[in-house]
Amino acid sequence: TIYAEIDGFAGASEATGQLDQLGRDELATAPSYSPVTERTELDRWILGELASTTAEVIERMDRYDSFGACQQISALVDGLSNWYVRRCRDRYWGKAKAAESRDKSDAYWTLYEVLLELSKLVAPFVPFVAESMWQTLTESVRERVRTSVHLCDYPTVASQRCDSLLSERMRVLREVASLGRSARMDAKLKVRQPLASVEVSLASNIHMAWLTEHDQIIREELNVKQIAYNAGNSPYIEYQILPNFKLLGPRVGKQLPSLKKRLASLDGARLLAELQSQGFVDIELGEQTLRLAGDELEVRLKAKSGWAAAQGRECVVVLSTDLTPELIREGMARDLVRLIQDLRKQRDCQFTDRIRVYAEFENAELTLAIEENHATIAGETLATEILFSAPTNQIEKQSFEISGHTLQLGIETLTAVTNSGGQA
């Protein structure tokens, strides 16, 4: 709501007439409310997820499956907070006011509508949370709407907004991002550290063209410079096939060690392909042939040296872990951005406050990192200047460490800007 207030987003107060329950038709009376079909793909996706979730929740509640209904709502909230809102940050932080930017206005309207419907959707499960949401979202039109969310009808399904193809594509895209972050974690690489490349090996090439069109999203999510796709096995990973000892022990008995050795000698990628295509593999063991089902085998993924990998339902994501000096310096610059943002919060800077940054250190690489990434650092922290010297006035400084290098950092708050072109 802070950014919405700064940007002058009026929400329901723009709508005309008696708003009653603030449904879709009532919101659509607002002059700045755009038809859903004319909004971005991301907006259409979350509104489609809202519609399909509403249908699922109603269907499950009709079967008295309240736990299943809650699971559906939880998945929607996860998609809203961890994907939609995060992917819309640049739209909310844009310099133009909501009235001057249709894209920003659409982002606010989409989020506002989803939250309104969500307050009604969760009302039977978390009544006080739902009421708090409703009262906050309708504060500007309190006299024109129902006094409580619990006096509103339960949401109906906007079936025309459901888009199964877009939902499936976005699910694959989110899986790529999730697996990439998992691979980073396994390799102990910070999210702020840029990497050279990522390879995405898809189980099917159905969505490859669409994913290629959305390269920039994956680059931003995984903080990588280049991305490549293929629909086969990656040359940067190996598969290790092991017997499921619990299931095969009673069946194979004393031959289990021999079976383990035999599986280790075979091409893991070929065995996996056979398992995926036919559901079993035939393994010659001495004079007999064992037919092993998928649940009788354990598949382990191992990345080759210089790579980190993670596997999911739709794809395998492989990240390059080799760091060049340029990548390391960019990572240092991003660490500096985080430290400056933390200082802004500690100093109670307003979201729109401009600052002057003072940085004292004795390291040539850190100097080069700041010089190479000056525009990014200044833009993300609303810094007018970054000075490599002690302040002439009494500015409180703190000691930090970046990549093993100590620096003294301080900020000076200047005048506020008139738009929301930065982040606190």
Protein backbone atom coordinates (compact mmCIF):
# COMPACT_ATOMS: atom_id res chain seq x y z
CA THR A 1 0.00 0.00 0.00
CA ILE A 2 2.94 2.36 0.53
CA TYR A 3 3.84 2.40 -3.16
CA ALA A 4 0.17 2.63 -4.15
CA GLU A 5 -0.24 5.72 -1.97
CA ILE A 6 2.94 7.31 -3.34
CA ASP A 7 1.77 6.63 -6.89
CA GLY A 8 -1.71 7.97 -6.29
CA PHE A 9 -3.52 4.70 -7.05
CA ALA A 10 -7.12 5.33 -6.03
CA GLY A 11 -8.49 1.81 -6.43
CA ALA A 12 -12.19 1.35 -5.73
CA SER A 13 -12.73 5.06 -5.05
CA GLU A 14 -12.50 5.59 -8.83
CA ALA A 15 -15.46 3.29 -9.44
CA THR A 16 -18.92 4.78 -9.84
CA GLY A 17 -22.25 3.97 -8.23
CA GLN A 18 -23.07 1.77 -5.24
CA LEU A 19 -20.15 -0.65 -5.06
CA ASP A 20 -21.82 -3.15 -2.72
CA GLN A 21 -19.47 -6.20 -2.78
CA LEU A 22 -16.77 -4.78 -5.08
CA GLY A 23 -17.15 -7.51 -7.66
CA ARG A 24 -15.59 -7.59 -11.12
CA ASP A 25 -18.38 -5.60 -12.77
CA GLU A 26 -18.28 -2.91 -10.09
CA LEU A 27 -14.50 -2.48 -10.33
CA ALA A 28 -14.80 -2.25 -14.12
CA THR A 29 -16.69 1.07 -13.77
CA ALA A 30 -13.43 2.79 -12.78
CA PRO A 31 -11.99 4.81 -15.70
CA SER A 32 -8.47 3.40 -15.24
CA TYR A 33 -9.62 -0.23 -15.02
CA SER A 34 -8.41 -1.96 -18.21
CA PRO A 35 -10.08 -5.02 -19.75
CA VAL A 36 -8.26 -8.14 -18.58
CA THR A 37 -7.66 -9.27 -22.17
CA GLU A 38 -5.60 -6.12 -22.76
CA ARG A 39 -3.31 -6.59 -19.76
CA THR A 40 0.10 -8.23 -19.61
CA GLU A 41 0.58 -11.97 -19.67
CA LEU A 42 1.55 -11.92 -16.00
CA ASP A 43 -1.67 -10.10 -15.04
CA ARG A 44 -3.78 -12.53 -17.06
CA TRP A 45 -1.95 -15.45 -15.46
CA ILE A 46 -2.63 -14.49 -11.83
CA LEU A 47 -6.26 -13.60 -12.59
CA GLY A 48 -6.59 -16.97 -14.34
CA GLU A 49 -5.08 -18.68 -11.29
CA LEU A 50 -7.58 -16.83 -9.10
CA ALA A 51 -10.47 -18.07 -11.26
CA SER A 52 -9.29 -21.70 -11.37
CA THR A 53 -8.52 -21.69 -7.64
CA THR A 54 -11.99 -20.34 -6.89
CA ALA A 55 -13.49 -23.19 -8.92
CA GLU A 56 -11.34 -25.76 -7.11
CA VAL A 57 -12.15 -24.36 -3.67
CA ILE A 58 -15.90 -24.36 -4.35
CA GLU A 59 -15.74 -27.93 -5.71
CA ARG A 60 -13.79 -29.18 -2.69
CA MET A 61 -15.99 -27.40 -0.17
CA ASP A 62 -19.03 -28.96 -1.81
CA ARG A 63 -17.38 -32.30 -0.94
CA TYR A 64 -16.61 -31.10 2.62
CA ASP A 65 -12.90 -31.27 1.80
CA SER A 66 -11.81 -28.17 3.70
CA PHE A 67 -8.18 -29.30 3.88
CA GLY A 68 -8.01 -29.68 0.11
CA ALA A 69 -9.61 -26.25 -0.31
CA CYS A 70 -6.98 -24.71 1.98
CA GLN A 71 -4.21 -26.34 -0.06
CA GLN A 72 -5.57 -24.68 -3.21
CA ILE A 73 -5.70 -21.28 -1.50
CA SER A 74 -2.17 -21.76 -0.15
CA ALA A 75 -0.88 -22.46 -3.67
CA LEU A 76 -2.58 -19.30 -4.95
CA VAL A 77 -1.07 -17.16 -2.18
CA ASP A 78 2.36 -18.63 -2.91
CA GLY A 79 2.03 -17.79 -6.60
CA LEU A 80 0.78 -14.30 -5.78
CA SER A 81 3.48 -13.35 -3.27
CA ASN A 82 6.49 -15.32 -4.52
CA TRP A 83 5.92 -14.88 -8.24
CA TYR A 84 3.40 -12.23 -9.28
CA VAL A 85 4.31 -9.49 -6.80
CA ARG A 86 8.02 -10.20 -7.09
CA ARG A 87 7.92 -10.14 -10.89
CA CYS A 88 5.93 -6.87 -10.77
CA ARG A 89 8.40 -4.99 -8.56
CA ASP A 90 9.82 -2.98 -11.45
CA ARG A 91 6.30 -2.02 -12.48
CA TYR A 92 5.50 -0.76 -8.98
CA TRP A 93 8.86 1.02 -8.69
CA GLY A 94 8.60 2.73 -12.08
CA LYS A 95 9.08 6.50 -12.10
CA ALA A 96 5.74 7.40 -13.67
CA LYS A 97 2.66 7.77 -11.50
CA ALA A 98 -0.16 5.24 -11.83
CA ALA A 99 -2.25 7.83 -13.67
CA GLU A 100 0.58 8.32 -16.18
CA SER A 101 1.41 4.66 -16.79
CA ARG A 102 -1.19 2.15 -17.89
CA ASP A 103 1.21 -0.71 -17.15
CA LYS A 104 1.67 0.40 -13.54
CA SER A 105 -2.07 1.04 -13.17
CA ASP A 106 -2.85 -2.45 -14.50
CA ALA A 107 -0.39 -3.98 -12.03
CA TYR A 108 -2.08 -2.19 -9.12
CA TRP A 109 -5.58 -3.03 -10.32
CA THR A 110 -4.70 -6.70 -10.78
CA LEU A 111 -3.19 -7.00 -7.31
CA TYR A 112 -6.08 -5.06 -5.78
CA GLU A 113 -8.70 -7.29 -7.40
CA VAL A 114 -6.91 -10.50 -6.42
CA LEU A 115 -6.62 -9.36 -2.80
CA LEU A 116 -10.30 -8.37 -2.70
CA GLU A 117 -11.42 -11.75 -4.01
CA LEU A 118 -8.92 -13.52 -1.78
CA SER A 119 -10.41 -11.85 1.30
CA LYS A 120 -13.77 -13.39 0.39
CA LEU A 121 -12.23 -16.73 -0.55
CA VAL A 122 -10.47 -17.21 2.80
CA ALA A 123 -13.31 -15.83 4.93
CA PRO A 124 -14.61 -19.27 6.08
CA PHE A 125 -11.10 -20.40 7.05
CA VAL A 126 -9.44 -17.34 8.62
CA PRO A 127 -12.34 -14.98 9.39
CA PHE A 128 -10.38 -12.31 11.26
CA VAL A 129 -7.61 -12.13 8.65
CA ALA A 130 -10.23 -11.90 5.90
CA GLU A 131 -12.05 -9.10 7.74
CA SER A 132 -8.82 -7.17 8.26
CA MET A 133 -8.03 -7.45 4.55
CA TRP A 134 -11.51 -6.30 3.55
CA GLN A 135 -11.52 -3.30 5.88
CA THR A 136 -8.07 -2.19 4.66
CA LEU A 137 -8.90 -2.61 0.97
CA THR A 138 -12.26 -0.82 1.20
CA GLU A 139 -11.26 1.99 3.54
CA SER A 140 -11.63 4.71 0.90
CA VAL A 141 -15.16 3.58 -0.05
CA ARG A 142 -16.43 2.46 3.35
CA GLU A 143 -19.85 4.10 2.89
CA ARG A 144 -20.46 2.47 -0.49
CA VAL A 145 -19.67 -1.18 0.26
CA ARG A 146 -20.87 -3.86 2.63
CA THR A 147 -19.60 -3.29 6.15
CA SER A 148 -18.05 -6.74 6.49
CA VAL A 149 -16.55 -9.35 4.19
CA HIS A 150 -18.79 -11.86 5.94
CA LEU A 151 -21.82 -10.07 4.53
CA CYS A 152 -20.55 -10.61 0.98
CA ASP A 153 -21.48 -13.51 -1.27
CA TYR A 154 -18.85 -16.17 -1.77
CA PRO A 155 -16.82 -15.55 -4.98
CA THR A 156 -18.10 -16.91 -8.28
CA VAL A 157 -15.89 -18.37 -11.00
CA ALA A 158 -14.82 -16.09 -13.86
CA SER A 159 -14.39 -19.04 -16.22
CA GLN A 160 -13.53 -16.79 -19.18
CA ARG A 161 -10.31 -15.84 -17.38
CA CYS A 162 -9.07 -19.43 -17.02
CA ASP A 163 -6.20 -20.16 -19.42
CA SER A 164 -4.89 -23.69 -18.98
CA LEU A 165 -2.11 -23.24 -21.56
CA LEU A 166 -0.76 -20.08 -19.94
CA SER A 167 -1.04 -21.73 -16.52
CA GLU A 168 0.98 -24.73 -17.69
CA ARG A 169 3.63 -22.56 -19.35
CA MET A 170 4.02 -20.39 -16.26
CA ARG A 171 4.27 -23.51 -14.09
CA VAL A 172 7.23 -24.72 -16.16
CA LEU A 173 8.83 -21.27 -16.02
CA ARG A 174 8.45 -21.15 -12.24
CA GLU A 175 9.93 -24.65 -11.99
CA VAL A 176 12.99 -23.55 -13.96
CA ALA A 177 13.47 -20.63 -11.57
CA SER A 178 12.95 -22.81 -8.49
CA LEU A 179 15.37 -25.50 -9.67
CA GLY A 180 17.97 -22.88 -10.55
CA ARG A 181 17.80 -21.45 -7.04
CA SER A 182 18.06 -24.97 -5.62
CA ALA A 183 21.17 -25.66 -7.71
CA ARG A 184 22.68 -22.39 -6.49
CA MET A 185 22.03 -23.38 -2.89
CA ASP A 186 23.64 -26.79 -3.37
CA ALA A 187 26.72 -25.11 -4.87
CA LYS A 188 26.75 -22.53 -2.05
CA LEU A 189 26.49 -19.64 -4.51
CA LYS A 190 24.70 -16.52 -3.30
CA VAL A 191 21.72 -15.33 -5.32
CA ARG A 192 23.41 -11.93 -5.68
CA GLN A 193 26.43 -13.51 -7.40
CA PRO A 194 25.95 -13.35 -11.20
CA LEU A 195 26.77 -16.51 -13.15
CA ALA A 196 27.84 -16.95 -16.75
CA SER A 197 25.23 -19.39 -18.05
CA VAL A 198 22.42 -21.83 -17.39
CA GLU A 199 21.26 -24.79 -19.45
CA VAL A 200 17.65 -26.00 -19.25
CA SER A 201 17.04 -29.57 -20.42
CA LEU A 202 13.30 -29.99 -20.96
CA ALA A 203 11.42 -33.29 -20.78
CA SER A 204 9.42 -32.03 -23.79
CA ASN A 205 9.97 -29.25 -26.31
CA ILE A 206 6.28 -28.26 -26.28
CA HIS A 207 6.94 -25.03 -24.37
CA MET A 208 10.50 -24.39 -25.56
CA ALA A 209 9.61 -21.58 -27.98
CA TRP A 210 7.53 -19.79 -25.33
CA LEU A 211 10.30 -20.15 -22.75
CA THR A 212 12.81 -18.77 -25.24
CA GLU A 213 10.62 -15.68 -25.63
CA HIS A 214 10.80 -15.25 -21.84
CA ASP A 215 14.57 -15.59 -21.51
CA GLN A 216 14.84 -12.29 -19.68
CA ILE A 217 12.69 -13.54 -16.80
CA ILE A 218 14.93 -16.56 -16.27
CA ARG A 219 18.05 -14.41 -16.51
CA GLU A 220 16.71 -12.10 -13.83
CA GLU A 221 15.44 -14.88 -11.57
CA LEU A 222 18.67 -16.90 -11.72
CA ASN A 223 21.03 -13.94 -12.16
CA VAL A 224 22.75 -15.43 -15.22
CA LYS A 225 24.11 -13.89 -18.40
CA GLN A 226 23.22 -16.55 -20.97
CA ILE A 227 20.63 -19.32 -21.24
CA ALA A 228 20.38 -22.36 -23.50
CA TYR A 229 17.63 -24.95 -23.97
CA ASN A 230 17.58 -28.52 -25.18
CA ALA A 231 15.06 -31.34 -25.18
CA GLY A 232 17.53 -34.11 -24.36
CA ASN A 233 20.03 -35.09 -21.71
CA SER A 234 22.51 -32.44 -20.67
CA PRO A 235 26.20 -33.14 -21.37
CA TYR A 236 27.05 -31.52 -18.04
CA ILE A 237 25.36 -34.08 -15.79
CA GLU A 238 25.54 -37.78 -15.05
CA TYR A 239 22.88 -40.13 -13.72
CA GLN A 240 23.62 -42.75 -11.11
CA ILE A 241 21.11 -45.61 -10.93
CA LEU A 242 20.95 -47.47 -7.61
CA PRO A 243 18.76 -50.37 -6.48
CA ASN A 244 16.02 -49.62 -3.98
CA PHE A 245 17.39 -51.85 -1.25
CA LYS A 246 14.15 -51.95 0.73
CA LEU A 247 12.08 -53.19 -2.21
CA LEU A 248 14.67 -55.35 -3.98
CA GLY A 249 16.23 -56.93 -0.89
CA PRO A 250 13.53 -59.60 -0.39
CA ARG A 251 13.34 -60.27 -4.14
CA VAL A 252 17.02 -60.37 -5.10
CA GLY A 253 18.57 -61.44 -1.82
CA LYS A 254 22.31 -62.13 -1.93
CA GLN A 255 22.51 -60.86 -5.52
CA LEU A 256 21.86 -57.28 -4.39
CA PRO A 257 25.58 -56.26 -4.26
CA SER A 258 26.08 -57.73 -7.74
CA LEU A 259 23.04 -55.84 -9.02
CA LYS A 260 24.35 -52.59 -7.56
CA LYS A 261 27.70 -53.15 -9.29
CA ARG A 262 25.99 -54.04 -12.57
CA LEU A 263 23.83 -50.89 -12.51
CA ALA A 264 26.91 -48.75 -11.80
CA SER A 265 28.59 -50.13 -14.94
CA LEU A 266 25.72 -49.15 -17.25
CA ASP A 267 24.91 -45.80 -18.87
CA GLY A 268 22.69 -44.03 -16.33
CA ALA A 269 21.18 -41.67 -18.91
CA ARG A 270 20.17 -44.61 -21.14
CA LEU A 271 18.59 -46.48 -18.23
CA LEU A 272 16.68 -43.36 -17.21
CA ALA A 273 15.39 -42.89 -20.78
CA GLU A 274 14.16 -46.50 -20.81
CA LEU A 275 12.46 -46.04 -17.45
CA GLN A 276 10.71 -42.89 -18.65
CA SER A 277 9.58 -44.42 -21.95
CA GLN A 278 8.46 -47.88 -20.86
CA GLY A 279 8.28 -47.81 -17.06
CA PHE A 280 10.86 -50.57 -16.52
CA VAL A 281 14.34 -51.74 -17.50
CA ASP A 282 15.70 -55.23 -18.14
CA ILE A 283 19.05 -55.91 -16.47
CA GLU A 284 21.16 -58.95 -17.26
CA LEU A 285 22.61 -60.38 -14.08
CA GLY A 286 24.63 -63.51 -14.63
CA GLU A 287 22.48 -65.99 -16.51
CA GLN A 288 19.19 -64.31 -15.70
CA THR A 289 17.42 -61.13 -16.72
CA LEU A 290 15.77 -58.99 -14.06
CA ARG A 291 12.91 -56.68 -15.01
CA LEU A 292 13.03 -53.71 -12.65
CA ALA A 293 10.19 -51.19 -12.28
CA GLY A 294 10.72 -47.51 -11.66
CA ASP A 295 9.99 -47.68 -7.94
CA GLU A 296 12.61 -50.41 -7.54
CA LEU A 297 15.37 -48.07 -8.65
CA GLU A 298 16.73 -44.80 -7.28
CA VAL A 299 17.96 -42.16 -9.72
CA ARG A 300 20.59 -39.70 -8.52
CA LEU A 301 21.68 -36.65 -10.45
CA LYS A 302 25.32 -35.57 -10.36
CA ALA A 303 26.69 -32.47 -12.06
CA LYS A 304 30.12 -32.56 -13.64
CA SER A 305 32.93 -30.34 -12.34
CA GLY A 306 32.21 -26.65 -12.88
CA TRP A 307 28.44 -27.13 -12.89
CA ALA A 308 25.56 -27.39 -10.41
CA ALA A 309 22.27 -29.10 -11.25
CA ALA A 310 18.76 -29.76 -9.97
CA GLN A 311 16.02 -31.92 -11.45
CA GLY A 312 12.26 -31.49 -11.39
CA ARG A 313 9.17 -32.88 -13.05
CA GLU A 314 9.53 -30.93 -16.31
CA CYS A 315 13.23 -30.18 -16.63
CA VAL A 316 16.81 -30.31 -15.41
CA VAL A 317 18.51 -26.98 -14.74
CA VAL A 318 22.32 -26.84 -14.89
CA LEU A 319 24.25 -23.74 -13.79
CA SER A 320 27.84 -22.85 -14.62
CA THR A 321 29.71 -22.33 -11.33
CA ASP A 322 32.94 -20.93 -12.81
CA LEU A 323 33.38 -17.30 -11.77
CA THR A 324 35.38 -14.80 -13.82
CA PRO A 325 36.87 -11.66 -12.19
CA GLU A 326 34.15 -9.58 -13.89
CA LEU A 327 31.38 -11.73 -12.43
CA ILE A 328 32.96 -11.60 -8.97
CA ARG A 329 33.14 -7.79 -9.11
CA GLU A 330 29.49 -7.58 -10.17
CA GLY A 331 28.62 -9.78 -7.20
CA MET A 332 30.55 -7.42 -4.92
CA ALA A 333 28.55 -4.49 -6.30
CA ARG A 334 25.29 -6.28 -5.56
CA ASP A 335 26.45 -6.98 -2.01
CA LEU A 336 27.12 -3.26 -1.66
CA VAL A 337 23.58 -2.48 -2.83
CA ARG A 338 22.21 -4.75 -0.11
CA LEU A 339 24.35 -3.07 2.56
CA ILE A 340 23.24 0.39 1.47
CA GLN A 341 19.60 -0.72 1.49
CA ASP A 342 20.06 -2.04 5.02
CA LEU A 343 21.52 1.32 6.07
CA ARG A 344 18.53 3.12 4.53
CA LYS A 345 16.21 1.03 6.70
CA GLN A 346 18.31 1.60 9.82
CA ARG A 347 18.28 5.36 9.22
CA ASP A 348 14.50 5.32 8.66
CA CYS A 349 14.86 6.74 5.15
CA GLN A 350 11.61 7.26 3.31
CA PHE A 351 11.01 5.26 0.14
CA THR A 352 11.57 8.37 -1.96
CA ASP A 353 14.60 9.82 -0.14
CA ARG A 354 17.74 10.48 -2.17
CA ILE A 355 21.03 9.73 -0.40
CA ARG A 356 24.76 10.38 -0.67
CA VAL A 357 26.97 7.34 -0.02
CA TYR A 358 30.40 7.45 1.63
CA ALA A 359 32.60 4.37 1.30
CA GLU A 360 36.09 4.02 2.79
CA PHE A 361 38.23 0.97 1.98
CA GLU A 362 41.60 -0.09 0.64
CA ASN A 363 40.96 -2.58 -2.13
CA ALA A 364 41.43 -2.05 -5.85
CA GLU A 365 38.94 -4.76 -6.84
CA LEU A 366 36.16 -3.19 -4.78
CA THR A 367 36.94 0.21 -6.32
CA LEU A 368 36.73 -1.32 -9.79
CA ALA A 369 33.50 -3.13 -8.86
CA ILE A 370 31.84 0.16 -7.86
CA GLU A 371 33.12 2.01 -10.93
CA GLU A 372 31.94 -0.72 -13.33
CA ASN A 373 28.49 -0.94 -11.72
CA HIS A 374 28.02 2.66 -10.59
CA ALA A 375 24.76 3.24 -12.48
CA THR A 376 23.15 0.09 -11.08
CA ILE A 377 24.21 0.83 -7.50
CA ALA A 378 23.02 4.44 -7.70
CA GLY A 379 19.74 3.54 -9.38
CA GLU A 380 18.75 0.81 -6.93
CA THR A 381 19.68 2.79 -3.81
CA LEU A 382 18.59 6.29 -4.96
CA ALA A 383 22.16 7.51 -4.45
CA THR A 384 23.10 10.81 -6.06
CA GLU A 385 26.80 10.26 -5.35
CA ILE A 386 29.12 7.48 -4.19
CA LEU A 387 32.21 9.06 -2.64
CA PHE A 388 35.39 7.15 -1.82
CA SER A 389 36.24 9.39 1.10
CA ALA A 390 35.29 10.28 4.64
CA PRO A 391 32.42 12.77 4.98
CA THR A 392 33.28 16.32 5.92
CA ASN A 393 30.39 16.44 8.38
CA GLN A 394 29.46 14.02 11.14
CA ILE A 395 27.96 11.07 9.29
CA GLU A 396 27.64 7.85 11.24
CA LYS A 397 29.59 5.02 9.60
CA GLN A 398 29.48 1.28 10.05
CA SER A 399 32.01 -1.43 9.32
CA PHE A 400 31.07 -4.17 6.83
CA GLU A 401 32.77 -6.92 4.88
CA ILE A 402 32.39 -7.74 1.19
CA SER A 403 34.17 -10.79 -0.19
CA GLY A 404 36.67 -10.66 2.66
CA HIS A 405 37.36 -6.93 2.25
CA THR A 406 36.51 -4.52 5.08
CA LEU A 407 34.89 -1.16 4.33
CA GLN A 408 33.41 1.73 6.28
CA LEU A 409 30.02 2.74 4.93
CA GLY A 410 27.84 5.73 5.69
CA ILE A 411 24.89 7.51 4.06
CA GLU A 412 23.58 11.07 4.14
CA THR A 413 19.88 11.66 3.52
CA LEU A 414 19.10 14.37 0.98
CA THR A 415 15.77 15.65 -0.38
CA ALA A 416 13.01 13.26 -1.39
CA VAL A 417 12.17 12.63 -5.04
CA THR A 418 8.65 13.11 -6.34
CA ASN A 419 8.12 9.62 -7.75
CA SER A 420 8.66 6.01 -6.70
CA GLY A 421 11.71 5.37 -8.83
CA GLY A 422 13.60 3.48 -6.12
CA GLN A 423 13.43 1.10 -3.25
CA ALA A 424 14.12 1.41 0.44
